[in-house]
């Protein structure tokens, strides 16, 4: 399950930015970009759980 968290977090950050832009409220832009940055940092953290094919072939 952890191997898919990177893709999930990247997708969620895109959805949050899209919703934040469409809401057009006073603080929605700041909040949506803040949440997107946090989700992208989490996506970068969970890239270590993506399997490496080079190690398996050796």
PDB file of N, CA and C in Angstrom:
ATOM      1  N   UNK A   1       0.818  -1.202   0.000  1.00  0.00           N
ATOM      2  CA  UNK A   1       0.000   0.000   0.000  1.00  0.00           C
ATOM      3  C   UNK A   1       0.858   1.261   0.000  1.00  0.00           C
ATOM      4  N   UNK A   2       2.002   1.206   0.673  1.00  0.00           N
ATOM      5  CA  UNK A   2       2.845   2.396   0.762  1.00  0.00           C
ATOM      6  C   UNK A   2       3.412   2.792  -0.594  1.00  0.00           C
ATOM      7  N   UNK A   3       3.549   1.857  -1.512  1.00  0.00           N
ATOM      8  CA  UNK A   3       4.094   2.180  -2.826  1.00  0.00           C
ATOM      9  C   UNK A   3       3.144   3.050  -3.631  1.00  0.00           C
ATOM     10  N   UNK A   4       1.880   3.022  -3.330  1.00  0.00           N
ATOM     11  CA  UNK A   4       0.901   3.821  -4.073  1.00  0.00           C
ATOM     12  C   UNK A   4       0.644   5.197  -3.443  1.00  0.00           C
ATOM     13  N   UNK A   5       1.173   5.443  -2.268  1.00  0.00           N
ATOM     14  CA  UNK A   5       0.921   6.709  -1.583  1.00  0.00           C
ATOM     15  C   UNK A   5       1.485   7.904  -2.339  1.00  0.00           C
ATOM     16  N   UNK A   6       2.587   7.728  -3.057  1.00  0.00           N
ATOM     17  CA  UNK A   6       3.149   8.839  -3.830  1.00  0.00           C
ATOM     18  C   UNK A   6       2.156   9.315  -4.879  1.00  0.00           C
ATOM     19  N   UNK A   7       1.598   8.392  -5.640  1.00  0.00           N
ATOM     20  CA  UNK A   7       0.631   8.758  -6.676  1.00  0.00           C
ATOM     21  C   UNK A   7      -0.645   9.331  -6.068  1.00  0.00           C
ATOM     22  N   UNK A   8      -1.070   8.789  -4.950  1.00  0.00           N
ATOM     23  CA  UNK A   8      -2.276   9.278  -4.291  1.00  0.00           C
ATOM     24  C   UNK A   8      -2.080  10.712  -3.814  1.00  0.00           C
ATOM     25  N   UNK A   9      -0.934  10.995  -3.189  1.00  0.00           N
ATOM     26  CA  UNK A   9      -0.681  12.348  -2.690  1.00  0.00           C
ATOM     27  C   UNK A   9      -0.540  13.366  -3.819  1.00  0.00           C
ATOM     28  N   UNK A  10       0.075  12.971  -4.919  1.00  0.00           N
ATOM     29  CA  UNK A  10       0.194  13.887  -6.059  1.00  0.00           C
ATOM     30  C   UNK A  10      -1.186  14.171  -6.647  1.00  0.00           C
ATOM     31  N   UNK A  11      -2.015  13.145  -6.770  1.00  0.00           N
ATOM     32  CA  UNK A  11      -3.377  13.348  -7.270  1.00  0.00           C
ATOM     33  C   UNK A  11      -4.212  14.216  -6.347  1.00  0.00           C
ATOM     34  N   UNK A  12      -4.091  13.985  -5.051  1.00  0.00           N
ATOM     35  CA  UNK A  12      -4.829  14.795  -4.088  1.00  0.00           C
ATOM     36  C   UNK A  12      -4.397  16.255  -4.106  1.00  0.00           C
ATOM     37  N   UNK A  13      -3.110  16.490  -4.297  1.00  0.00           N
ATOM     38  CA  UNK A  13      -2.659  17.877  -4.345  1.00  0.00           C
ATOM     39  C   UNK A  13      -3.228  18.591  -5.561  1.00  0.00           C
ATOM     40  N   UNK A  14      -3.313  17.900  -6.681  1.00  0.00           N
ATOM     41  CA  UNK A  14      -3.933  18.490  -7.873  1.00  0.00           C
ATOM     42  C   UNK A  14      -5.400  18.792  -7.673  1.00  0.00           C
ATOM     43  N   UNK A  15      -6.110  17.876  -7.038  1.00  0.00           N
ATOM     44  CA  UNK A  15      -7.539  18.079  -6.774  1.00  0.00           C
ATOM     45  C   UNK A  15      -7.742  19.251  -5.810  1.00  0.00           C
ATOM     46  N   UNK A  16      -6.919  19.335  -4.782  1.00  0.00           N
ATOM     47  CA  UNK A  16      -7.057  20.419  -3.807  1.00  0.00           C
ATOM     48  C   UNK A  16      -6.791  21.766  -4.452  1.00  0.00           C
ATOM     49  N   UNK A  17      -5.776  21.847  -5.315  1.00  0.00           N
ATOM     50  CA  UNK A  17      -5.506  23.116  -6.005  1.00  0.00           C
ATOM     51  C   UNK A  17      -6.667  23.483  -6.916  1.00  0.00           C
ATOM     52  N   UNK A  18      -7.206  22.506  -7.635  1.00  0.00           N
ATOM     53  CA  UNK A  18      -8.324  22.770  -8.534  1.00  0.00           C
ATOM     54  C   UNK A  18      -9.550  23.271  -7.769  1.00  0.00           C
ATOM     55  N   UNK A  19      -9.865  22.614  -6.665  1.00  0.00           N
ATOM     56  CA  UNK A  19     -11.016  23.023  -5.860  1.00  0.00           C
ATOM     57  C   UNK A  19     -10.774  24.398  -5.239  1.00  0.00           C
ATOM     58  N   UNK A  20      -9.554  24.653  -4.785  1.00  0.00           N
ATOM     59  CA  UNK A  20      -9.239  25.950  -4.196  1.00  0.00           C
ATOM     60  C   UNK A  20      -9.374  27.090  -5.192  1.00  0.00           C
ATOM     61  N   UNK A  21      -9.010  26.829  -6.439  1.00  0.00           N
ATOM     62  CA  UNK A  21      -9.148  27.862  -7.464  1.00  0.00           C
ATOM     63  C   UNK A  21     -10.613  28.084  -7.814  1.00  0.00           C
ATOM     64  N   UNK A  22     -11.383  27.028  -7.870  1.00  0.00           N
ATOM     65  CA  UNK A  22     -12.794  27.146  -8.237  1.00  0.00           C
ATOM     66  C   UNK A  22     -13.648  27.763  -7.128  1.00  0.00           C
ATOM     67  N   UNK A  23     -13.259  27.606  -5.870  1.00  0.00           N
ATOM     68  CA  UNK A  23     -14.052  28.170  -4.772  1.00  0.00           C
ATOM     69  C   UNK A  23     -13.997  29.692  -4.767  1.00  0.00           C
ATOM     70  N   UNK A  24     -12.846  30.248  -5.060  1.00  0.00           N
ATOM     71  CA  UNK A  24     -12.661  31.688  -5.159  1.00  0.00           C
ATOM     72  C   UNK A  24     -13.092  32.419  -3.884  1.00  0.00           C
ATOM     73  N   UNK A  25     -12.681  31.863  -2.748  1.00  0.00           N
ATOM     74  CA  UNK A  25     -12.905  32.517  -1.459  1.00  0.00           C
ATOM     75  C   UNK A  25     -11.642  33.261  -1.050  1.00  0.00           C
ATOM     76  N   UNK A  26     -11.735  34.020   0.021  1.00  0.00           N
ATOM     77  CA  UNK A  26     -10.625  34.883   0.427  1.00  0.00           C
ATOM     78  C   UNK A  26      -9.371  34.087   0.794  1.00  0.00           C
ATOM     79  N   UNK A  27      -9.490  33.087   1.654  1.00  0.00           N
ATOM     80  CA  UNK A  27      -8.339  32.330   2.119  1.00  0.00           C
ATOM     81  C   UNK A  27      -8.163  31.001   1.402  1.00  0.00           C
ATOM     82  N   UNK A  28      -9.013  30.683   0.453  1.00  0.00           N
ATOM     83  CA  UNK A  28      -8.960  29.349  -0.156  1.00  0.00           C
ATOM     84  C   UNK A  28      -7.679  29.143  -0.959  1.00  0.00           C
ATOM     85  N   UNK A  29      -7.173  30.188  -1.585  1.00  0.00           N
ATOM     86  CA  UNK A  29      -5.939  30.036  -2.350  1.00  0.00           C
ATOM     87  C   UNK A  29      -4.749  29.727  -1.477  1.00  0.00           C
ATOM     88  N   UNK A  30      -4.626  30.433  -0.366  1.00  0.00           N
ATOM     89  CA  UNK A  30      -3.508  30.209   0.551  1.00  0.00           C
ATOM     90  C   UNK A  30      -3.597  28.827   1.185  1.00  0.00           C
ATOM     91  N   UNK A  31      -4.789  28.452   1.595  1.00  0.00           N
ATOM     92  CA  UNK A  31      -4.971  27.152   2.240  1.00  0.00           C
ATOM     93  C   UNK A  31      -4.738  26.020   1.242  1.00  0.00           C
ATOM     94  N   UNK A  32      -5.259  26.155   0.028  1.00  0.00           N
ATOM     95  CA  UNK A  32      -5.111  25.075  -0.943  1.00  0.00           C
ATOM     96  C   UNK A  32      -3.652  24.899  -1.363  1.00  0.00           C
ATOM     97  N   UNK A  33      -2.926  25.997  -1.562  1.00  0.00           N
ATOM     98  CA  UNK A  33      -1.519  25.864  -1.911  1.00  0.00           C
ATOM     99  C   UNK A  33      -0.711  25.317  -0.737  1.00  0.00           C
ATOM    100  N   UNK A  34      -1.054  25.689   0.484  1.00  0.00           N
ATOM    101  CA  UNK A  34      -0.371  25.143   1.658  1.00  0.00           C
ATOM    102  C   UNK A  34      -0.581  23.647   1.787  1.00  0.00           C
ATOM    103  N   UNK A  35      -1.816  23.215   1.617  1.00  0.00           N
ATOM    104  CA  UNK A  35      -2.102  21.775   1.671  1.00  0.00           C
ATOM    105  C   UNK A  35      -1.432  21.029   0.525  1.00  0.00           C
ATOM    106  N   UNK A  36      -1.391  21.634  -0.658  1.00  0.00           N
ATOM    107  CA  UNK A  36      -0.751  20.994  -1.799  1.00  0.00           C
ATOM    108  C   UNK A  36       0.743  20.818  -1.563  1.00  0.00           C
ATOM    109  N   UNK A  37       1.384  21.803  -0.955  1.00  0.00           N
ATOM    110  CA  UNK A  37       2.816  21.683  -0.669  1.00  0.00           C
ATOM    111  C   UNK A  37       3.073  20.590   0.357  1.00  0.00           C
ATOM    112  N   UNK A  38       2.228  20.509   1.371  1.00  0.00           N
ATOM    113  CA  UNK A  38       2.379  19.456   2.378  1.00  0.00           C
ATOM    114  C   UNK A  38       2.190  18.081   1.739  1.00  0.00           C
ATOM    115  N   UNK A  39       1.191  17.944   0.867  1.00  0.00           N
ATOM    116  CA  UNK A  39       0.961  16.659   0.204  1.00  0.00           C
ATOM    117  C   UNK A  39       2.102  16.299  -0.742  1.00  0.00           C
ATOM    118  N   UNK A  40       2.674  17.280  -1.423  1.00  0.00           N
ATOM    119  CA  UNK A  40       3.809  16.991  -2.295  1.00  0.00           C
ATOM    120  C   UNK A  40       5.049  16.599  -1.495  1.00  0.00           C
ATOM    121  N   UNK A  41       5.225  17.181  -0.319  1.00  0.00           N
ATOM    122  CA  UNK A  41       6.329  16.755   0.547  1.00  0.00           C
ATOM    123  C   UNK A  41       6.131  15.321   1.035  1.00  0.00           C
ATOM    124  N   UNK A  42       4.905  14.972   1.366  1.00  0.00           N
ATOM    125  CA  UNK A  42       4.613  13.591   1.753  1.00  0.00           C
ATOM    126  C   UNK A  42       4.823  12.630   0.588  1.00  0.00           C
ATOM    127  N   UNK A  43       4.461  13.065  -0.616  1.00  0.00           N
ATOM    128  CA  UNK A  43       4.692  12.228  -1.800  1.00  0.00           C
ATOM    129  C   UNK A  43       6.175  11.997  -2.016  1.00  0.00           C
ATOM    130  N   UNK A  44       6.983  13.033  -1.807  1.00  0.00           N
ATOM    131  CA  UNK A  44       8.429  12.874  -1.943  1.00  0.00           C
ATOM    132  C   UNK A  44       8.983  11.945  -0.868  1.00  0.00           C
ATOM    133  N   UNK A  45       8.427  11.995   0.321  1.00  0.00           N
ATOM    134  CA  UNK A  45       8.876  11.117   1.398  1.00  0.00           C
ATOM    135  C   UNK A  45       8.580   9.653   1.081  1.00  0.00           C
ATOM    136  N   UNK A  46       7.423   9.366   0.541  1.00  0.00           N
ATOM    137  CA  UNK A  46       7.025   7.982   0.287  1.00  0.00           C
ATOM    138  C   UNK A  46       7.576   7.421  -1.018  1.00  0.00           C
ATOM    139  N   UNK A  47       8.423   8.169  -1.739  1.00  0.00           N
ATOM    140  CA  UNK A  47       9.050   7.591  -2.923  1.00  0.00           C
ATOM    141  C   UNK A  47      10.059   6.510  -2.560  1.00  0.00           C
ATOM    142  N   UNK A  48      10.514   6.473  -1.329  1.00  0.00           N
ATOM    143  CA  UNK A  48      11.466   5.433  -0.939  1.00  0.00           C
ATOM    144  C   UNK A  48      10.817   4.051  -0.889  1.00  0.00           C
ATOM    145  N   UNK A  49       9.499   3.971  -0.893  1.00  0.00           N
ATOM    146  CA  UNK A  49       8.815   2.680  -0.862  1.00  0.00           C
ATOM    147  C   UNK A  49       8.487   2.155  -2.255  1.00  0.00           C
ATOM    148  N   UNK A  50       8.836   2.914  -3.306  1.00  0.00           N
ATOM    149  CA  UNK A  50       8.640   2.419  -4.664  1.00  0.00           C
ATOM    150  C   UNK A  50       9.734   1.391  -4.927  1.00  0.00           C
ATOM    151  N   UNK A  51       9.375   0.205  -5.406  1.00  0.00           N
ATOM    152  CA  UNK A  51      10.399  -0.838  -5.588  1.00  0.00           C
ATOM    153  C   UNK A  51      11.405  -0.455  -6.675  1.00  0.00           C
ATOM    154  N   UNK A  52      12.657  -0.862  -6.465  1.00  0.00           N
ATOM    155  CA  UNK A  52      13.737  -0.600  -7.401  1.00  0.00           C
ATOM    156  C   UNK A  52      13.992  -1.877  -8.191  1.00  0.00           C
ATOM    157  N   UNK A  53      13.807  -1.843  -9.505  1.00  0.00           N
ATOM    158  CA  UNK A  53      13.971  -3.029 -10.333  1.00  0.00           C
ATOM    159  C   UNK A  53      15.429  -3.429 -10.514  1.00  0.00           C
ATOM    160  N   UNK A  54      16.358  -2.493 -10.408  1.00  0.00           N
ATOM    161  CA  UNK A  54      17.773  -2.812 -10.594  1.00  0.00           C
ATOM    162  C   UNK A  54      18.281  -3.735  -9.499  1.00  0.00           C
ATOM    163  N   UNK A  55      17.842  -3.514  -8.273  1.00  0.00           N
ATOM    164  CA  UNK A  55      18.291  -4.360  -7.160  1.00  0.00           C
ATOM    165  C   UNK A  55      17.732  -5.775  -7.275  1.00  0.00           C
ATOM    166  N   UNK A  56      16.539  -5.922  -7.820  1.00  0.00           N
ATOM    167  CA  UNK A  56      15.934  -7.248  -7.941  1.00  0.00           C
ATOM    168  C   UNK A  56      16.585  -8.085  -9.029  1.00  0.00           C
ATOM    169  N   UNK A  57      17.104  -7.461 -10.097  1.00  0.00           N
ATOM    170  CA  UNK A  57      17.720  -8.203 -11.201  1.00  0.00           C
ATOM    171  C   UNK A  57      19.107  -8.707 -10.852  1.00  0.00           C
ATOM    172  N   UNK A  58      19.791  -8.054  -9.945  1.00  0.00           N
ATOM    173  CA  UNK A  58      21.143  -8.478  -9.569  1.00  0.00           C
ATOM    174  C   UNK A  58      21.108  -9.603  -8.620  1.00  0.00           C
TER     175      UNK A  58
END
